[in-house]
Amino acid sequence: MDNQNLIDMANRIGDFFDSMPDREEALAGIADHIRRFWEPRMRSALLAVLDTSNKEALCQIVREALAGHRAGLTPARA
């Protein structure tokens, strides 16, 4: 999984939702989009970026959404 590609995709999602006037709705929208449309390996890899120094590559709203909704984005263990 190419982390830079995941970061770029997440930032594009964040750019879309960042224009919403309700910040909490935007954060929930980002998390919901990633939860619904990204496969578990992609979500795991993106969440792992939050725990590295590379997290600054994620735009602020994406970092907030991932951190605030981490439990719902973390794939269930098989």
N, C-alpha and C. Protein backbone atom coordinates (compact mmCIF):
# COMPACT_ATOMS: atom_id res chain seq x y z
N MET A 1 0.85 -1.17 0.00
CA MET A 1 0.00 0.00 0.00
C MET A 1 0.90 1.24 0.00
N ASP A 2 0.70 2.10 -0.95
CA ASP A 2 1.49 3.33 -1.08
C ASP A 2 0.91 4.41 -0.17
N ASN A 3 1.60 4.68 0.93
CA ASN A 3 1.09 5.66 1.89
C ASN A 3 0.89 7.04 1.29
N GLN A 4 1.78 7.45 0.40
CA GLN A 4 1.64 8.79 -0.18
C GLN A 4 0.36 8.89 -1.00
N ASN A 5 0.01 7.83 -1.71
CA ASN A 5 -1.23 7.83 -2.47
C ASN A 5 -2.44 7.91 -1.53
N LEU A 6 -2.40 7.18 -0.43
CA LEU A 6 -3.49 7.23 0.55
C LEU A 6 -3.60 8.63 1.15
N ILE A 7 -2.47 9.23 1.47
CA ILE A 7 -2.47 10.58 2.02
C ILE A 7 -3.07 11.57 1.02
N ASP A 8 -2.66 11.45 -0.24
CA ASP A 8 -3.20 12.35 -1.28
C ASP A 8 -4.71 12.18 -1.43
N MET A 9 -5.18 10.94 -1.43
CA MET A 9 -6.63 10.70 -1.55
C MET A 9 -7.37 11.26 -0.34
N ALA A 10 -6.84 11.02 0.85
CA ALA A 10 -7.48 11.52 2.07
C ALA A 10 -7.52 13.05 2.07
N ASN A 11 -6.45 13.68 1.62
CA ASN A 11 -6.42 15.14 1.57
C ASN A 11 -7.42 15.70 0.57
N ARG A 12 -7.65 14.99 -0.54
CA ARG A 12 -8.67 15.44 -1.50
C ARG A 12 -10.06 15.34 -0.88
N ILE A 13 -10.30 14.29 -0.12
CA ILE A 13 -11.58 14.16 0.59
C ILE A 13 -11.70 15.30 1.59
N GLY A 14 -10.62 15.56 2.32
CA GLY A 14 -10.63 16.66 3.28
C GLY A 14 -10.88 18.00 2.64
N ASP A 15 -10.31 18.24 1.47
CA ASP A 15 -10.54 19.50 0.75
C ASP A 15 -12.01 19.69 0.44
N PHE A 16 -12.67 18.61 0.03
CA PHE A 16 -14.09 18.69 -0.28
C PHE A 16 -14.90 19.06 0.96
N PHE A 17 -14.68 18.35 2.05
CA PHE A 17 -15.47 18.56 3.26
C PHE A 17 -15.08 19.82 4.02
N ASP A 18 -13.89 20.35 3.79
CA ASP A 18 -13.43 21.53 4.50
C ASP A 18 -14.27 22.77 4.20
N SER A 19 -14.98 22.76 3.09
CA SER A 19 -15.81 23.92 2.73
C SER A 19 -17.14 23.94 3.47
N MET A 20 -17.46 22.88 4.18
CA MET A 20 -18.73 22.83 4.91
C MET A 20 -18.69 23.80 6.09
N PRO A 21 -19.78 24.51 6.33
CA PRO A 21 -19.79 25.46 7.44
C PRO A 21 -19.79 24.81 8.83
N ASP A 22 -20.35 23.62 8.94
CA ASP A 22 -20.41 22.91 10.22
C ASP A 22 -19.20 21.99 10.34
N ARG A 23 -18.25 22.36 11.17
CA ARG A 23 -16.98 21.61 11.29
C ARG A 23 -17.21 20.17 11.74
N GLU A 24 -18.08 19.97 12.71
CA GLU A 24 -18.33 18.61 13.21
C GLU A 24 -18.95 17.74 12.13
N GLU A 25 -19.83 18.31 11.34
CA GLU A 25 -20.44 17.57 10.24
C GLU A 25 -19.38 17.22 9.18
N ALA A 26 -18.47 18.13 8.95
CA ALA A 26 -17.38 17.88 8.00
C ALA A 26 -16.48 16.75 8.49
N LEU A 27 -16.12 16.78 9.76
CA LEU A 27 -15.26 15.73 10.32
C LEU A 27 -15.94 14.37 10.24
N ALA A 28 -17.22 14.35 10.58
CA ALA A 28 -17.98 13.10 10.50
C ALA A 28 -18.09 12.64 9.05
N GLY A 29 -18.25 13.56 8.13
CA GLY A 29 -18.35 13.22 6.72
C GLY A 29 -17.08 12.59 6.18
N ILE A 30 -15.95 13.14 6.57
CA ILE A 30 -14.66 12.57 6.15
C ILE A 30 -14.54 11.15 6.67
N ALA A 31 -14.78 10.98 7.96
CA ALA A 31 -14.65 9.66 8.58
C ALA A 31 -15.63 8.67 7.95
N ASP A 32 -16.86 9.10 7.71
CA ASP A 32 -17.85 8.21 7.12
C ASP A 32 -17.46 7.80 5.71
N HIS A 33 -16.97 8.75 4.93
CA HIS A 33 -16.55 8.42 3.57
C HIS A 33 -15.43 7.38 3.58
N ILE A 34 -14.44 7.59 4.42
CA ILE A 34 -13.31 6.66 4.49
C ILE A 34 -13.78 5.29 5.01
N ARG A 35 -14.64 5.29 5.99
CA ARG A 35 -15.15 4.02 6.55
C ARG A 35 -15.94 3.24 5.51
N ARG A 36 -16.78 3.93 4.75
CA ARG A 36 -17.66 3.26 3.79
C ARG A 36 -16.98 2.82 2.51
N PHE A 37 -16.01 3.59 2.04
CA PHE A 37 -15.47 3.35 0.70
C PHE A 37 -14.03 2.84 0.65
N TRP A 38 -13.34 2.85 1.77
CA TRP A 38 -11.96 2.36 1.79
C TRP A 38 -11.94 0.97 2.41
N GLU A 39 -11.18 0.09 1.79
CA GLU A 39 -11.07 -1.26 2.33
C GLU A 39 -10.27 -1.22 3.64
N PRO A 40 -10.43 -2.24 4.49
CA PRO A 40 -9.77 -2.24 5.80
C PRO A 40 -8.25 -2.02 5.75
N ARG A 41 -7.56 -2.60 4.77
CA ARG A 41 -6.10 -2.41 4.69
C ARG A 41 -5.75 -0.95 4.44
N MET A 42 -6.55 -0.29 3.63
CA MET A 42 -6.30 1.13 3.35
C MET A 42 -6.52 1.96 4.61
N ARG A 43 -7.60 1.67 5.33
CA ARG A 43 -7.89 2.42 6.57
C ARG A 43 -6.79 2.19 7.60
N SER A 44 -6.34 0.95 7.74
CA SER A 44 -5.27 0.64 8.70
C SER A 44 -3.99 1.39 8.36
N ALA A 45 -3.65 1.41 7.08
CA ALA A 45 -2.43 2.09 6.65
C ALA A 45 -2.53 3.60 6.90
N LEU A 46 -3.70 4.17 6.61
CA LEU A 46 -3.87 5.61 6.83
C LEU A 46 -3.83 5.94 8.32
N LEU A 47 -4.48 5.14 9.14
CA LEU A 47 -4.44 5.38 10.58
C LEU A 47 -3.02 5.25 11.12
N ALA A 48 -2.23 4.35 10.54
CA ALA A 48 -0.85 4.19 10.98
C ALA A 48 -0.04 5.45 10.71
N VAL A 49 -0.40 6.19 9.66
CA VAL A 49 0.31 7.44 9.35
C VAL A 49 0.17 8.43 10.51
N LEU A 50 -0.97 8.41 11.20
CA LEU A 50 -1.18 9.31 12.34
C LEU A 50 -0.14 9.11 13.44
N ASP A 51 0.42 7.92 13.50
CA ASP A 51 1.38 7.59 14.56
C ASP A 51 2.83 7.80 14.13
N THR A 52 3.03 8.45 12.99
CA THR A 52 4.38 8.68 12.49
C THR A 52 4.64 10.17 12.33
N SER A 53 5.88 10.49 12.06
CA SER A 53 6.22 11.89 11.81
C SER A 53 5.66 12.37 10.48
N ASN A 54 5.22 11.46 9.64
CA ASN A 54 4.65 11.81 8.34
C ASN A 54 3.21 12.30 8.44
N LYS A 55 2.64 12.32 9.66
CA LYS A 55 1.25 12.75 9.82
C LYS A 55 1.04 14.20 9.37
N GLU A 56 2.10 14.99 9.35
CA GLU A 56 1.99 16.38 8.90
C GLU A 56 1.67 16.48 7.42
N ALA A 57 1.84 15.37 6.68
CA ALA A 57 1.47 15.36 5.26
C ALA A 57 -0.04 15.36 5.09
N LEU A 58 -0.77 14.95 6.14
CA LEU A 58 -2.23 14.99 6.11
C LEU A 58 -2.69 16.40 6.45
N CYS A 59 -3.69 16.88 5.74
CA CYS A 59 -4.19 18.22 6.07
C CYS A 59 -4.87 18.18 7.45
N GLN A 60 -4.96 19.32 8.07
CA GLN A 60 -5.44 19.43 9.44
C GLN A 60 -6.81 18.79 9.65
N ILE A 61 -7.74 19.05 8.74
CA ILE A 61 -9.09 18.52 8.92
C ILE A 61 -9.11 16.99 8.84
N VAL A 62 -8.25 16.42 8.01
CA VAL A 62 -8.17 14.97 7.92
C VAL A 62 -7.57 14.39 9.20
N ARG A 63 -6.53 15.02 9.72
CA ARG A 63 -5.95 14.56 10.99
C ARG A 63 -6.99 14.59 12.10
N GLU A 64 -7.76 15.68 12.15
CA GLU A 64 -8.81 15.79 13.18
C GLU A 64 -9.85 14.70 13.02
N ALA A 65 -10.29 14.47 11.78
CA ALA A 65 -11.32 13.46 11.52
C ALA A 65 -10.83 12.06 11.88
N LEU A 66 -9.61 11.75 11.50
CA LEU A 66 -9.07 10.42 11.79
C LEU A 66 -8.89 10.22 13.29
N ALA A 67 -8.36 11.22 13.96
CA ALA A 67 -8.14 11.11 15.40
C ALA A 67 -9.46 11.03 16.16
N GLY A 68 -10.42 11.83 15.75
CA GLY A 68 -11.71 11.87 16.45
C GLY A 68 -12.60 10.69 16.19
N HIS A 69 -12.39 10.01 15.08
CA HIS A 69 -13.25 8.88 14.71
C HIS A 69 -12.44 7.59 14.55
N ARG A 70 -11.31 7.55 15.19
CA ARG A 70 -10.39 6.42 15.02
C ARG A 70 -11.04 5.08 15.34
N ALA A 71 -11.79 5.01 16.42
CA ALA A 71 -12.40 3.73 16.82
C ALA A 71 -13.32 3.20 15.71
N GLY A 72 -14.10 4.08 15.10
CA GLY A 72 -15.01 3.65 14.06
C GLY A 72 -14.33 3.34 12.73
N LEU A 73 -13.12 3.83 12.56
CA LEU A 73 -12.37 3.59 11.32
C LEU A 73 -11.44 2.38 11.42
N THR A 74 -11.16 1.96 12.65
CA THR A 74 -10.25 0.82 12.84
C THR A 74 -10.96 -0.47 12.45
N PRO A 75 -10.39 -1.19 11.48
CA PRO A 75 -11.01 -2.45 11.06
C PRO A 75 -11.06 -3.48 12.18
N ALA A 76 -12.12 -4.27 12.17
CA ALA A 76 -12.24 -5.35 13.15
C ALA A 76 -11.17 -6.40 12.88
N ARG A 77 -10.66 -6.97 13.93
CA ARG A 77 -9.65 -8.01 13.77
C ARG A 77 -10.34 -9.31 13.37
N ALA A 78 -9.70 -10.00 12.44
CA ALA A 78 -10.29 -11.26 11.95
C ALA A 78 -9.95 -12.43 12.85
